[in-house]
Every structure is written in C-alpha cells, then in structure tokens.
Amino acid sequence: MSEPRIPGIIEAPPRTECACATCVQCCKDQPGALAPGDYERIRDHLRLTDDEARELFRSSEGAVVQTADMHQRRQRTIVPLYNRHRKRCVFLGDDDKCGIHEVKPAGCAMFDTHMDAGKSHAISYWLIMQQSDAAYQERRRELKISEHYKPKAY
C-alpha cells in the first residue's frame, strides 16, 4: 500500500530543532502525540522493557478531525504521560530540557510555535493519516487512558 499523497507533503515532514521558551510551553501544556514507530524508538533509546515504557505513555481521545469527504471523526492517539505534580510532560526536566529531544514524538518533533498555519495543517493531516495505522491503534488500546489531555476540535 502506498503512502497517501498530501498537498505539500509527500513523505515524513522534517524534524524541528526549536527548543525556545514558547515551544517548551507546549511540553508544559499538552505534549505532542506519537506517530507509528515513535513508541518503539523512545523505548529502545531509553533501554526500557515494554512494561516500563507503557507506564510513560497514555491513550488519548485525541482531536476531532474533518476528513477529506467533510465528515468528522475522532483521531485517537498515543501521548507521553503528563506529570500533574510537575505540570509538564514526563520527559521534560526541571531545567526545561527534553530528556528525549533527539527521539521526541512526531507531535513534538514536526511542529513548532513559529510555523505558519498552512504548514501546520499539512503536517497535522500527514500525522493523522499515519496514526490510523492498525498496529499503532492496537498499541494505543494497550495503554492506560490519559486524564490530562482534553480533545480539541480542529
């Protein structure tokens, strides 16, 4: 099966490197969702067992998205655990540095607060298409449900 062709984006978008205070605020508000392969890459980078890794991620209800045929549906996702006591992503240190910056999830790695809406929407659409993957959704169903993430309609 070939990858969907999306206007402006044919393959995976490039990873951003921004770690300014405005971008880091996202890590404190609502860290980005994972794409297929992110969970395994982060788990392996941290040298965790699958049981250990499962404790660092949650199943999110995700966002309501509009499909190409103008229907709305919920895109359920995998997200990093939000530490309510520290008010931040579990991977964000007290020094506001990402502990997994080099392997951070697609929802963090492919967006920054400085990109224009057109680019952001194109990348969002690409990510949504990737998150529809059956193996990704099966992994999501194995995780505890997030209590922090509040779905937003886009």
Foldseek 3Di string as FASTA:
>chain_A
DAADPFVPDRDAAAFDQDLDPQLLVCQLQPDFFAFPPLLVVVCVVVVHDPVVSLVQKAKEQAAWEADPVRDTDTQITIGTAADPVVRGGPQQDPVSDGVPSVSGGCGSTRDGPPDDPVSVVRNVVSRSSRSVDPVRVVVNVVHHHHPRDDYYYD
